[in-house]
Full PDB file with SEQRES, HELIX, SHEET, SSBOND, CRYST1, ORIGX, SCALE, CONECT and MASTER records, all heavy atoms in Angstrom:
SEQRES   1 A   39  SER MET VAL ALA TYR ILE LEU MET LEU VAL VAL PHE ARG          
SEQRES   2 A   39  VAL SER VAL THR TRP TYR VAL LEU TYR PHE PRO VAL ILE          
SEQRES   3 A   39  VAL PHE PHE THR LEU LEU PHE ALA LEU GLY THR SER PHE          
HELIX    1 AA1 MET A    2  VAL A   11  1                                  10    
HELIX    2 AA2 TRP A   18  TYR A   22  5                                   5    
HELIX    3 AA3 PHE A   23  SER A   38  1                                  16    
CRYST1    1.000    1.000    1.000  90.00  90.00  90.00 P 1           1          
ORIGX1      1.000000  0.000000  0.000000        0.00000                         
ORIGX2      0.000000  1.000000  0.000000        0.00000                         
ORIGX3      0.000000  0.000000  1.000000        0.00000                         
SCALE1      1.000000  0.000000  0.000000        0.00000                         
SCALE2      0.000000  1.000000  0.000000        0.00000                         
SCALE3      0.000000  0.000000  1.000000        0.00000                         
ATOM      1  N   SER A   1      76.643 134.001 192.483  1.00  0.00           N  
ATOM      2  CA  SER A   1      77.631 135.035 192.802  1.00  0.00           C  
ATOM      3  C   SER A   1      77.064 136.432 192.616  1.00  0.00           C  
ATOM      4  O   SER A   1      77.531 137.392 193.243  1.00  0.00           O  
ATOM      5  CB  SER A   1      78.874 134.861 191.922  1.00  0.00           C  
ATOM      6  OG  SER A   1      79.483 133.607 192.146  1.00  0.00           O  
ATOM      7  N   MET A   2      76.067 136.556 191.750  1.00  0.00           N  
ATOM      8  CA  MET A   2      75.450 137.856 191.523  1.00  0.00           C  
ATOM      9  C   MET A   2      74.819 138.407 192.796  1.00  0.00           C  
ATOM     10  O   MET A   2      74.677 139.630 192.949  1.00  0.00           O  
ATOM     11  CB  MET A   2      74.394 137.746 190.419  1.00  0.00           C  
ATOM     12  CG  MET A   2      74.950 137.703 189.006  1.00  0.00           C  
ATOM     13  SD  MET A   2      75.829 139.211 188.539  1.00  0.00           S  
ATOM     14  CE  MET A   2      74.498 140.415 188.616  1.00  0.00           C  
ATOM     15  N   VAL A   3      74.437 137.528 193.704  1.00  0.00           N  
ATOM     16  CA  VAL A   3      73.884 137.978 194.987  1.00  0.00           C  
ATOM     17  C   VAL A   3      74.922 138.807 195.727  1.00  0.00           C  
ATOM     18  O   VAL A   3      74.633 139.898 196.246  1.00  0.00           O  
ATOM     19  CB  VAL A   3      73.454 136.771 195.847  1.00  0.00           C  
ATOM     20  CG1 VAL A   3      72.974 137.238 197.222  1.00  0.00           C  
ATOM     21  CG2 VAL A   3      72.372 135.968 195.144  1.00  0.00           C  
ATOM     22  N   ALA A   4      76.171 138.293 195.763  1.00  0.00           N  
ATOM     23  CA  ALA A   4      77.257 139.022 196.419  1.00  0.00           C  
ATOM     24  C   ALA A   4      77.557 140.321 195.669  1.00  0.00           C  
ATOM     25  O   ALA A   4      77.834 141.356 196.289  1.00  0.00           O  
ATOM     26  CB  ALA A   4      78.505 138.139 196.478  1.00  0.00           C  
ATOM     27  N   TYR A   5      77.493 140.259 194.358  1.00  0.00           N  
ATOM     28  CA  TYR A   5      77.806 141.433 193.538  1.00  0.00           C  
ATOM     29  C   TYR A   5      76.803 142.555 193.791  1.00  0.00           C  
ATOM     30  O   TYR A   5      77.186 143.714 193.981  1.00  0.00           O  
ATOM     31  CB  TYR A   5      77.792 141.022 192.061  1.00  0.00           C  
ATOM     32  CG  TYR A   5      78.268 142.089 191.111  1.00  0.00           C  
ATOM     33  CD1 TYR A   5      79.550 142.613 191.216  1.00  0.00           C  
ATOM     34  CD2 TYR A   5      77.429 142.561 190.096  1.00  0.00           C  
ATOM     35  CE1 TYR A   5      79.997 143.583 190.328  1.00  0.00           C  
ATOM     36  CE2 TYR A   5      77.870 143.527 189.210  1.00  0.00           C  
ATOM     37  CZ  TYR A   5      79.152 144.033 189.324  1.00  0.00           C  
ATOM     38  OH  TYR A   5      79.587 144.990 188.457  1.00  0.00           O  
ATOM     39  N   ILE A   6      75.532 142.215 193.797  1.00  0.00           N  
ATOM     40  CA  ILE A   6      74.487 143.219 194.049  1.00  0.00           C  
ATOM     41  C   ILE A   6      74.642 143.805 195.448  1.00  0.00           C  
ATOM     42  O   ILE A   6      74.479 145.014 195.663  1.00  0.00           O  
ATOM     43  CB  ILE A   6      73.085 142.584 193.866  1.00  0.00           C  
ATOM     44  CG1 ILE A   6      72.878 142.211 192.393  1.00  0.00           C  
ATOM     45  CG2 ILE A   6      71.998 143.544 194.333  1.00  0.00           C  
ATOM     46  CD1 ILE A   6      71.628 141.407 192.134  1.00  0.00           C  
ATOM     47  N   LEU A   7      74.972 142.946 196.407  1.00  0.00           N  
ATOM     48  CA  LEU A   7      75.186 143.403 197.776  1.00  0.00           C  
ATOM     49  C   LEU A   7      76.318 144.432 197.834  1.00  0.00           C  
ATOM     50  O   LEU A   7      76.194 145.475 198.493  1.00  0.00           O  
ATOM     51  CB  LEU A   7      75.511 142.212 198.673  1.00  0.00           C  
ATOM     52  CG  LEU A   7      75.877 142.531 200.131  1.00  0.00           C  
ATOM     53  CD1 LEU A   7      74.698 143.183 200.840  1.00  0.00           C  
ATOM     54  CD2 LEU A   7      76.297 141.259 200.863  1.00  0.00           C  
ATOM     55  N   MET A   8      77.405 144.172 197.112  1.00  0.00           N  
ATOM     56  CA  MET A   8      78.540 145.095 197.118  1.00  0.00           C  
ATOM     57  C   MET A   8      78.204 146.400 196.409  1.00  0.00           C  
ATOM     58  O   MET A   8      78.702 147.471 196.790  1.00  0.00           O  
ATOM     59  CB  MET A   8      79.752 144.426 196.471  1.00  0.00           C  
ATOM     60  CG  MET A   8      80.269 143.208 197.213  1.00  0.00           C  
ATOM     61  SD  MET A   8      80.547 143.507 198.979  1.00  0.00           S  
ATOM     62  CE  MET A   8      81.883 144.696 198.922  1.00  0.00           C  
ATOM     63  N   LEU A   9      77.371 146.350 195.387  1.00  0.00           N  
ATOM     64  CA  LEU A   9      76.937 147.587 194.730  1.00  0.00           C  
ATOM     65  C   LEU A   9      76.191 148.489 195.713  1.00  0.00           C  
ATOM     66  O   LEU A   9      76.345 149.722 195.701  1.00  0.00           O  
ATOM     67  CB  LEU A   9      76.043 147.267 193.535  1.00  0.00           C  
ATOM     68  CG  LEU A   9      76.695 146.602 192.321  1.00  0.00           C  
ATOM     69  CD1 LEU A   9      75.645 146.270 191.272  1.00  0.00           C  
ATOM     70  CD2 LEU A   9      77.776 147.499 191.719  1.00  0.00           C  
ATOM     71  N   VAL A  10      75.403 147.869 196.572  1.00  0.00           N  
ATOM     72  CA  VAL A  10      74.651 148.624 197.581  1.00  0.00           C  
ATOM     73  C   VAL A  10      75.599 149.176 198.644  1.00  0.00           C  
ATOM     74  O   VAL A  10      75.521 150.361 199.021  1.00  0.00           O  
ATOM     75  CB  VAL A  10      73.577 147.729 198.242  1.00  0.00           C  
ATOM     76  CG1 VAL A  10      72.905 148.472 199.396  1.00  0.00           C  
ATOM     77  CG2 VAL A  10      72.546 147.293 197.212  1.00  0.00           C  
ATOM     78  N   VAL A  11      76.509 148.343 199.115  1.00  0.00           N  
ATOM     79  CA  VAL A  11      77.440 148.742 200.176  1.00  0.00           C  
ATOM     80  C   VAL A  11      78.311 149.920 199.738  1.00  0.00           C  
ATOM     81  O   VAL A  11      78.525 150.867 200.504  1.00  0.00           O  
ATOM     82  CB  VAL A  11      78.329 147.544 200.592  1.00  0.00           C  
ATOM     83  CG1 VAL A  11      79.467 148.008 201.503  1.00  0.00           C  
ATOM     84  CG2 VAL A  11      77.496 146.477 201.290  1.00  0.00           C  
ATOM     85  N   PHE A  12      78.797 149.871 198.489  1.00  0.00           N  
ATOM     86  CA  PHE A  12      79.684 150.935 198.002  1.00  0.00           C  
ATOM     87  C   PHE A  12      78.929 152.054 197.292  1.00  0.00           C  
ATOM     88  O   PHE A  12      79.528 152.918 196.673  1.00  0.00           O  
ATOM     89  CB  PHE A  12      80.751 150.343 197.074  1.00  0.00           C  
ATOM     90  CG  PHE A  12      81.811 149.567 197.809  1.00  0.00           C  
ATOM     91  CD1 PHE A  12      81.693 148.194 197.960  1.00  0.00           C  
ATOM     92  CD2 PHE A  12      82.896 150.214 198.376  1.00  0.00           C  
ATOM     93  CE1 PHE A  12      82.662 147.466 198.639  1.00  0.00           C  
ATOM     94  CE2 PHE A  12      83.871 149.499 199.065  1.00  0.00           C  
ATOM     95  CZ  PHE A  12      83.747 148.121 199.202  1.00  0.00           C  
ATOM     96  N   ARG A  13      77.602 152.001 197.349  1.00  0.00           N  
ATOM     97  CA  ARG A  13      76.746 153.076 196.854  1.00  0.00           C  
ATOM     98  C   ARG A  13      77.019 153.405 195.383  1.00  0.00           C  
ATOM     99  O   ARG A  13      77.160 154.579 195.003  1.00  0.00           O  
ATOM    100  CB  ARG A  13      76.907 154.319 197.719  1.00  0.00           C  
ATOM    101  CG  ARG A  13      76.517 154.105 199.167  1.00  0.00           C  
ATOM    102  CD  ARG A  13      76.696 155.363 199.996  1.00  0.00           C  
ATOM    103  NE  ARG A  13      76.325 155.135 201.381  1.00  0.00           N  
ATOM    104  CZ  ARG A  13      76.398 156.064 202.335  1.00  0.00           C  
ATOM    105  NH1 ARG A  13      76.817 157.304 202.021  1.00  0.00           N  
ATOM    106  NH2 ARG A  13      76.061 155.790 203.576  1.00  0.00           N  
ATOM    107  N   VAL A  14      77.101 152.364 194.592  1.00  0.00           N  
ATOM    108  CA  VAL A  14      77.259 152.548 193.155  1.00  0.00           C  
ATOM    109  C   VAL A  14      75.883 152.797 192.548  1.00  0.00           C  
ATOM    110  O   VAL A  14      74.967 151.991 192.726  1.00  0.00           O  
ATOM    111  CB  VAL A  14      77.911 151.313 192.500  1.00  0.00           C  
ATOM    112  CG1 VAL A  14      77.972 151.484 190.988  1.00  0.00           C  
ATOM    113  CG2 VAL A  14      79.304 151.095 193.066  1.00  0.00           C  
ATOM    114  N   SER A  15      75.735 153.895 191.871  1.00  0.00           N  
ATOM    115  CA  SER A  15      74.445 154.235 191.273  1.00  0.00           C  
ATOM    116  C   SER A  15      74.152 153.299 190.103  1.00  0.00           C  
ATOM    117  O   SER A  15      74.906 153.268 189.120  1.00  0.00           O  
ATOM    118  CB  SER A  15      74.454 155.683 190.779  1.00  0.00           C  
ATOM    119  OG  SER A  15      74.689 156.574 191.848  1.00  0.00           O  
ATOM    120  N   VAL A  16      73.073 152.568 190.216  1.00  0.00           N  
ATOM    121  CA  VAL A  16      72.671 151.638 189.159  1.00  0.00           C  
ATOM    122  C   VAL A  16      71.602 152.317 188.306  1.00  0.00           C  
ATOM    123  O   VAL A  16      70.545 152.706 188.814  1.00  0.00           O  
ATOM    124  CB  VAL A  16      72.133 150.325 189.754  1.00  0.00           C  
ATOM    125  CG1 VAL A  16      71.642 149.406 188.641  1.00  0.00           C  
ATOM    126  CG2 VAL A  16      73.212 149.633 190.571  1.00  0.00           C  
ATOM    127  N   THR A  17      71.876 152.470 187.027  1.00  0.00           N  
ATOM    128  CA  THR A  17      70.941 153.126 186.120  1.00  0.00           C  
ATOM    129  C   THR A  17      70.416 152.119 185.099  1.00  0.00           C  
ATOM    130  O   THR A  17      70.749 150.938 185.135  1.00  0.00           O  
ATOM    131  CB  THR A  17      71.642 154.285 185.379  1.00  0.00           C  
ATOM    132  OG1 THR A  17      72.678 153.747 184.537  1.00  0.00           O  
ATOM    133  CG2 THR A  17      72.256 155.262 186.376  1.00  0.00           C  
ATOM    134  N   TRP A  18      69.609 152.613 184.171  1.00  0.00           N  
ATOM    135  CA  TRP A  18      68.997 151.723 183.184  1.00  0.00           C  
ATOM    136  C   TRP A  18      70.018 151.115 182.239  1.00  0.00           C  
ATOM    137  O   TRP A  18      69.727 150.157 181.534  1.00  0.00           O  
ATOM    138  CB  TRP A  18      67.906 152.457 182.412  1.00  0.00           C  
ATOM    139  CG  TRP A  18      68.408 153.625 181.611  1.00  0.00           C  
ATOM    140  CD1 TRP A  18      68.642 154.886 182.066  1.00  0.00           C  
ATOM    141  CD2 TRP A  18      68.737 153.635 180.215  1.00  0.00           C  
ATOM    142  NE1 TRP A  18      69.095 155.694 181.034  1.00  0.00           N  
ATOM    143  CE2 TRP A  18      69.158 154.949 179.887  1.00  0.00           C  
ATOM    144  CE3 TRP A  18      68.690 152.685 179.208  1.00  0.00           C  
ATOM    145  CZ2 TRP A  18      69.551 155.320 178.613  1.00  0.00           C  
ATOM    146  CZ3 TRP A  18      69.077 153.054 177.922  1.00  0.00           C  
ATOM    147  CH2 TRP A  18      69.503 154.338 177.638  1.00  0.00           C  
ATOM    148  N   TYR A  19      71.237 151.652 182.230  1.00  0.00           N  
ATOM    149  CA  TYR A  19      72.294 151.072 181.395  1.00  0.00           C  
ATOM    150  C   TYR A  19      72.584 149.624 181.798  1.00  0.00           C  
ATOM    151  O   TYR A  19      73.048 148.824 180.981  1.00  0.00           O  
ATOM    152  CB  TYR A  19      73.582 151.888 181.514  1.00  0.00           C  
ATOM    153  CG  TYR A  19      73.537 153.227 180.821  1.00  0.00           C  
ATOM    154  CD1 TYR A  19      73.243 154.385 181.535  1.00  0.00           C  
ATOM    155  CD2 TYR A  19      73.791 153.335 179.457  1.00  0.00           C  
ATOM    156  CE1 TYR A  19      73.201 155.626 180.905  1.00  0.00           C  
ATOM    157  CE2 TYR A  19      73.753 154.568 178.813  1.00  0.00           C  
ATOM    158  CZ  TYR A  19      73.444 155.707 179.549  1.00  0.00           C  
ATOM    159  OH  TYR A  19      73.403 156.927 178.908  1.00  0.00           O  
ATOM    160  N   VAL A  20      72.329 149.313 183.066  1.00  0.00           N  
ATOM    161  CA  VAL A  20      72.628 147.973 183.572  1.00  0.00           C  
ATOM    162  C   VAL A  20      71.777 146.903 182.893  1.00  0.00           C  
ATOM    163  O   VAL A  20      72.105 145.708 182.954  1.00  0.00           O  
ATOM    164  CB  VAL A  20      72.422 147.932 185.106  1.00  0.00           C  
ATOM    165  CG1 VAL A  20      70.938 147.818 185.458  1.00  0.00           C  
ATOM    166  CG2 VAL A  20      73.216 146.796 185.740  1.00  0.00           C  
ATOM    167  N   LEU A  21      70.706 147.310 182.220  1.00  0.00           N  
ATOM    168  CA  LEU A  21      69.876 146.351 181.494  1.00  0.00           C  
ATOM    169  C   LEU A  21      70.646 145.689 180.353  1.00  0.00           C  
ATOM    170  O   LEU A  21      70.237 144.646 179.840  1.00  0.00           O  
ATOM    171  CB  LEU A  21      68.625 147.050 180.943  1.00  0.00           C  
ATOM    172  CG  LEU A  21      67.646 147.609 181.986  1.00  0.00           C  
ATOM    173  CD1 LEU A  21      66.510 148.349 181.297  1.00  0.00           C  
ATOM    174  CD2 LEU A  21      67.098 146.485 182.863  1.00  0.00           C  
ATOM    175  N   TYR A  22      71.762 146.304 179.965  1.00  0.00           N  
ATOM    176  CA  TYR A  22      72.596 145.731 178.899  1.00  0.00           C  
ATOM    177  C   TYR A  22      73.552 144.664 179.441  1.00  0.00           C  
ATOM    178  O   TYR A  22      74.174 143.946 178.672  1.00  0.00           O  
ATOM    179  CB  TYR A  22      73.390 146.847 178.225  1.00  0.00           C  
ATOM    180  CG  TYR A  22      73.901 146.487 176.837  1.00  0.00           C  
ATOM    181  CD1 TYR A  22      73.018 146.330 175.778  1.00  0.00           C  
ATOM    182  CD2 TYR A  22      75.262 146.323 176.591  1.00  0.00           C  
ATOM    183  CE1 TYR A  22      73.473 146.007 174.510  1.00  0.00           C  
ATOM    184  CE2 TYR A  22      75.726 146.003 175.328  1.00  0.00           C  
ATOM    185  CZ  TYR A  22      74.830 145.845 174.295  1.00  0.00           C  
ATOM    186  OH  TYR A  22      75.270 145.518 173.042  1.00  0.00           O  
ATOM    187  N   PHE A  23      73.662 144.583 180.751  1.00  0.00           N  
ATOM    188  CA  PHE A  23      74.573 143.632 181.392  1.00  0.00           C  
ATOM    189  C   PHE A  23      74.294 142.181 180.977  1.00  0.00           C  
ATOM    190  O   PHE A  23      75.237 141.436 180.677  1.00  0.00           O  
ATOM    191  CB  PHE A  23      74.486 143.781 182.914  1.00  0.00           C  
ATOM    192  CG  PHE A  23      75.505 142.971 183.670  1.00  0.00           C  
ATOM    193  CD1 PHE A  23      76.829 143.375 183.746  1.00  0.00           C  
ATOM    194  CD2 PHE A  23      75.135 141.805 184.324  1.00  0.00           C  
ATOM    195  CE1 PHE A  23      77.775 142.640 184.449  1.00  0.00           C  
ATOM    196  CE2 PHE A  23      76.063 141.061 185.026  1.00  0.00           C  
ATOM    197  CZ  PHE A  23      77.383 141.471 185.090  1.00  0.00           C  
ATOM    198  N   PRO A  24      73.025 141.722 180.941  1.00  0.00           N  
ATOM    199  CA  PRO A  24      72.759 140.343 180.507  1.00  0.00           C  
ATOM    200  C   PRO A  24      73.238 140.042 179.090  1.00  0.00           C  
ATOM    201  O   PRO A  24      73.611 138.913 178.787  1.00  0.00           O  
ATOM    202  CB  PRO A  24      71.230 140.227 180.609  1.00  0.00           C  
ATOM    203  CG  PRO A  24      70.847 141.239 181.631  1.00  0.00           C  
ATOM    204  CD  PRO A  24      71.794 142.373 181.415  1.00  0.00           C  
ATOM    205  N   VAL A  25      73.230 141.056 178.213  1.00  0.00           N  
ATOM    206  CA  VAL A  25      73.723 140.860 176.846  1.00  0.00           C  
ATOM    207  C   VAL A  25      75.215 140.539 176.874  1.00  0.00           C  
ATOM    208  O   VAL A  25      75.695 139.631 176.178  1.00  0.00           O  
ATOM    209  CB  VAL A  25      73.466 142.114 175.985  1.00  0.00           C  
ATOM    210  CG1 VAL A  25      74.066 141.944 174.590  1.00  0.00           C  
ATOM    211  CG2 VAL A  25      71.972 142.396 175.901  1.00  0.00           C  
ATOM    212  N   ILE A  26      75.952 141.270 177.699  1.00  0.00           N  
ATOM    213  CA  ILE A  26      77.390 141.036 177.839  1.00  0.00           C  
ATOM    214  C   ILE A  26      77.654 139.650 178.408  1.00  0.00           C  
ATOM    215  O   ILE A  26      78.542 138.924 177.939  1.00  0.00           O  
ATOM    216  CB  ILE A  26      78.020 142.122 178.733  1.00  0.00           C  
ATOM    217  CG1 ILE A  26      77.814 143.492 178.095  1.00  0.00           C  
ATOM    218  CG2 ILE A  26      79.502 141.841 178.974  1.00  0.00           C  
ATOM    219  CD1 ILE A  26      78.142 144.660 179.019  1.00  0.00           C  
ATOM    220  N   VAL A  27      76.874 139.267 179.398  1.00  0.00           N  
ATOM    221  CA  VAL A  27      77.020 137.939 180.001  1.00  0.00           C  
ATOM    222  C   VAL A  27      76.725 136.850 178.978  1.00  0.00           C  
ATOM    223  O   VAL A  27      77.420 135.823 178.917  1.00  0.00           O  
ATOM    224  CB  VAL A  27      76.084 137.795 181.226  1.00  0.00           C  
ATOM    225  CG1 VAL A  27      76.058 136.345 181.730  1.00  0.00           C  
ATOM    226  CG2 VAL A  27      76.527 138.726 182.346  1.00  0.00           C  
ATOM    227  N   PHE A  28      75.705 137.067 178.159  1.00  0.00           N  
ATOM    228  CA  PHE A  28      75.343 136.072 177.142  1.00  0.00           C  
ATOM    229  C   PHE A  28      76.500 135.812 176.184  1.00  0.00           C  
ATOM    230  O   PHE A  28      76.844 134.657 175.904  1.00  0.00           O  
ATOM    231  CB  PHE A  28      74.112 136.552 176.357  1.00  0.00           C  
ATOM    232  CG  PHE A  28      73.809 135.702 175.150  1.00  0.00           C  
ATOM    233  CD1 PHE A  28      73.187 134.468 175.283  1.00  0.00           C  
ATOM    234  CD2 PHE A  28      74.157 136.135 173.871  1.00  0.00           C  
ATOM    235  CE1 PHE A  28      72.918 133.670 174.168  1.00  0.00           C  
ATOM    236  CE2 PHE A  28      73.886 135.343 172.753  1.00  0.00           C  
ATOM    237  CZ  PHE A  28      73.272 134.112 172.910  1.00  0.00           C  
ATOM    238  N   PHE A  29      77.112 136.878 175.665  1.00  0.00           N  
ATOM    239  CA  PHE A  29      78.193 136.682 174.701  1.00  0.00           C  
ATOM    240  C   PHE A  29      79.468 136.162 175.372  1.00  0.00           C  
ATOM    241  O   PHE A  29      80.256 135.458 174.746  1.00  0.00           O  
ATOM    242  CB  PHE A  29      78.468 137.980 173.935  1.00  0.00           C  
ATOM    243  CG  PHE A  29      77.450 138.263 172.869  1.00  0.00           C  
ATOM    244  CD1 PHE A  29      76.509 139.266 173.021  1.00  0.00           C  
ATOM    245  CD2 PHE A  29      77.405 137.490 171.721  1.00  0.00           C  
ATOM    246  CE1 PHE A  29      75.552 139.515 172.049  1.00  0.00           C  
ATOM    247  CE2 PHE A  29      76.451 137.724 170.724  1.00  0.00           C  
ATOM    248  CZ  PHE A  29      75.524 138.739 170.896  1.00  0.00           C  
ATOM    249  N   THR A  30      79.645 136.503 176.648  1.00  0.00           N  
ATOM    250  CA  THR A  30      80.754 135.904 177.406  1.00  0.00           C  
ATOM    251  C   THR A  30      80.557 134.397 177.509  1.00  0.00           C  
ATOM    252  O   THR A  30      81.494 133.615 177.304  1.00  0.00           O  
ATOM    253  CB  THR A  30      80.841 136.510 178.816  1.00  0.00           C  
ATOM    254  OG1 THR A  30      80.982 137.926 178.744  1.00  0.00           O  
ATOM    255  CG2 THR A  30      82.022 135.925 179.589  1.00  0.00           C  
ATOM    256  N   LEU A  31      79.346 133.994 177.828  1.00  0.00           N  
ATOM    257  CA  LEU A  31      79.038 132.572 177.961  1.00  0.00           C  
ATOM    258  C   LEU A  31      79.141 131.865 176.615  1.00  0.00           C  
ATOM    259  O   LEU A  31      79.601 130.719 176.536  1.00  0.00           O  
ATOM    260  CB  LEU A  31      77.635 132.403 178.548  1.00  0.00           C  
ATOM    261  CG  LEU A  31      77.238 130.980 178.979  1.00  0.00           C  
ATOM    262  CD1 LEU A  31      78.181 130.465 180.058  1.00  0.00           C  
ATOM    263  CD2 LEU A  31      75.805 130.952 179.487  1.00  0.00           C  
ATOM    264  N   LEU A  32      78.729 132.541 175.547  1.00  0.00           N  
ATOM    265  CA  LEU A  32      78.831 131.960 174.208  1.00  0.00           C  
ATOM    266  C   LEU A  32      80.302 131.736 173.842  1.00  0.00           C  
ATOM    267  O   LEU A  32      80.664 130.691 173.282  1.00  0.00           O  
ATOM    268  CB  LEU A  32      78.165 132.883 173.189  1.00  0.00           C  
ATOM    269  CG  LEU A  32      77.786 132.273 171.838  1.00  0.00           C  
ATOM    270  CD1 LEU A  32      76.738 131.192 172.005  1.00  0.00           C  
ATOM    271  CD2 LEU A  32      77.285 133.356 170.889  1.00  0.00           C  
ATOM    272  N   PHE A  33      81.137 132.710 174.163  1.00  0.00           N  
ATOM    273  CA  PHE A  33      82.571 132.590 173.927  1.00  0.00           C  
ATOM    274  C   PHE A  33      83.158 131.445 174.762  1.00  0.00           C  
ATOM    275  O   PHE A  33      83.984 130.666 174.278  1.00  0.00           O  
ATOM    276  CB  PHE A  33      83.260 133.909 174.272  1.00  0.00           C  
ATOM    277  CG  PHE A  33      84.749 133.900 174.070  1.00  0.00           C  
ATOM    278  CD1 PHE A  33      85.305 133.851 172.792  1.00  0.00           C  
ATOM    279  CD2 PHE A  33      85.609 133.934 175.156  1.00  0.00           C  
ATOM    280  CE1 PHE A  33      86.676 133.846 172.603  1.00  0.00           C  
ATOM    281  CE2 PHE A  33      86.983 133.930 174.978  1.00  0.00           C  
ATOM    282  CZ  PHE A  33      87.521 133.883 173.698  1.00  0.00           C  
ATOM    283  N   ALA A  34      82.718 131.346 176.006  1.00  0.00           N  
ATOM    284  CA  ALA A  34      83.187 130.283 176.890  1.00  0.00           C  
ATOM    285  C   ALA A  34      82.760 128.911 176.376  1.00  0.00           C  
ATOM    286  O   ALA A  34      83.527 127.942 176.433  1.00  0.00           O  
ATOM    287  CB  ALA A  34      82.653 130.500 178.300  1.00  0.00           C  
ATOM    288  N   LEU A  35      81.546 128.821 175.871  1.00  0.00           N  
ATOM    289  CA  LEU A  35      81.033 127.547 175.368  1.00  0.00           C  
ATOM    290  C   LEU A  35      81.810 127.098 174.143  1.00  0.00           C  
ATOM    291  O   LEU A  35      82.160 125.914 174.011  1.00  0.00           O  
ATOM    292  CB  LEU A  35      79.545 127.686 175.037  1.00  0.00           C  
ATOM    293  CG  LEU A  35      78.791 126.403 174.659  1.00  0.00           C  
ATOM    294  CD1 LEU A  35      78.914 125.349 175.751  1.00  0.00           C  
ATOM    295  CD2 LEU A  35      77.321 126.723 174.394  1.00  0.00           C  
ATOM    296  N   GLY A  36      82.095 128.012 173.236  1.00  0.00           N  
ATOM    297  CA  GLY A  36      82.888 127.668 172.056  1.00  0.00           C  
ATOM    298  C   GLY A  36      84.282 127.195 172.446  1.00  0.00           C  
ATOM    299  O   GLY A  36      84.798 126.211 171.904  1.00  0.00           O  
ATOM    300  N   THR A  37      84.902 127.911 173.393  1.00  0.00           N  
ATOM    301  CA  THR A  37      86.219 127.509 173.895  1.00  0.00           C  
ATOM    302  C   THR A  37      86.148 126.141 174.548  1.00  0.00           C  
ATOM    303  O   THR A  37      87.058 125.310 174.396  1.00  0.00           O  
ATOM    304  CB  THR A  37      86.741 128.540 174.910  1.00  0.00           C  
ATOM    305  OG1 THR A  37      86.752 129.843 174.314  1.00  0.00           O  
ATOM    306  CG2 THR A  37      88.141 128.191 175.375  1.00  0.00           C  
ATOM    307  N   SER A  38      85.060 125.889 175.266  1.00  0.00           N  
ATOM    308  CA  SER A  38      84.882 124.611 175.950  1.00  0.00           C  
ATOM    309  C   SER A  38      84.780 123.454 174.968  1.00  0.00           C  
ATOM    310  O   SER A  38      85.324 122.359 175.213  1.00  0.00           O  
ATOM    311  CB  SER A  38      83.619 124.657 176.827  1.00  0.00           C  
ATOM    312  OG  SER A  38      83.734 125.640 177.828  1.00  0.00           O  
ATOM    313  N   PHE A  39      84.082 123.654 173.861  1.00  0.00           N  
ATOM    314  CA  PHE A  39      84.001 122.616 172.822  1.00  0.00           C  
ATOM    315  C   PHE A  39      85.402 122.226 172.333  1.00  0.00           C  
ATOM    316  O   PHE A  39      85.719 121.044 172.191  1.00  0.00           O  
ATOM    317  CB  PHE A  39      83.183 123.117 171.630  1.00  0.00           C  
ATOM    318  CG  PHE A  39      81.694 123.130 171.865  1.00  0.00           C  
ATOM    319  CD1 PHE A  39      80.913 124.158 171.351  1.00  0.00           C  
ATOM    320  CD2 PHE A  39      81.077 122.113 172.566  1.00  0.00           C  
ATOM    321  CE1 PHE A  39      79.539 124.173 171.548  1.00  0.00           C  
ATOM    322  CE2 PHE A  39      79.697 122.120 172.771  1.00  0.00           C  
ATOM    323  CZ  PHE A  39      78.931 123.148 172.265  1.00  0.00           C  
TER     324      PHE A  39                                                      
MASTER        0    0    0    3    0    0    0    6  323    1    0    3          
END                                                                             
């Protein structure tokens, strides 16, 4: 799905800066929360 997301960032001309490097950290803890809930 990230393929579609990146495509939309380009289409809507959203400026992507180095802050986006923190995005994987957010995804990691989201997934960790999801995994605990799943258990």
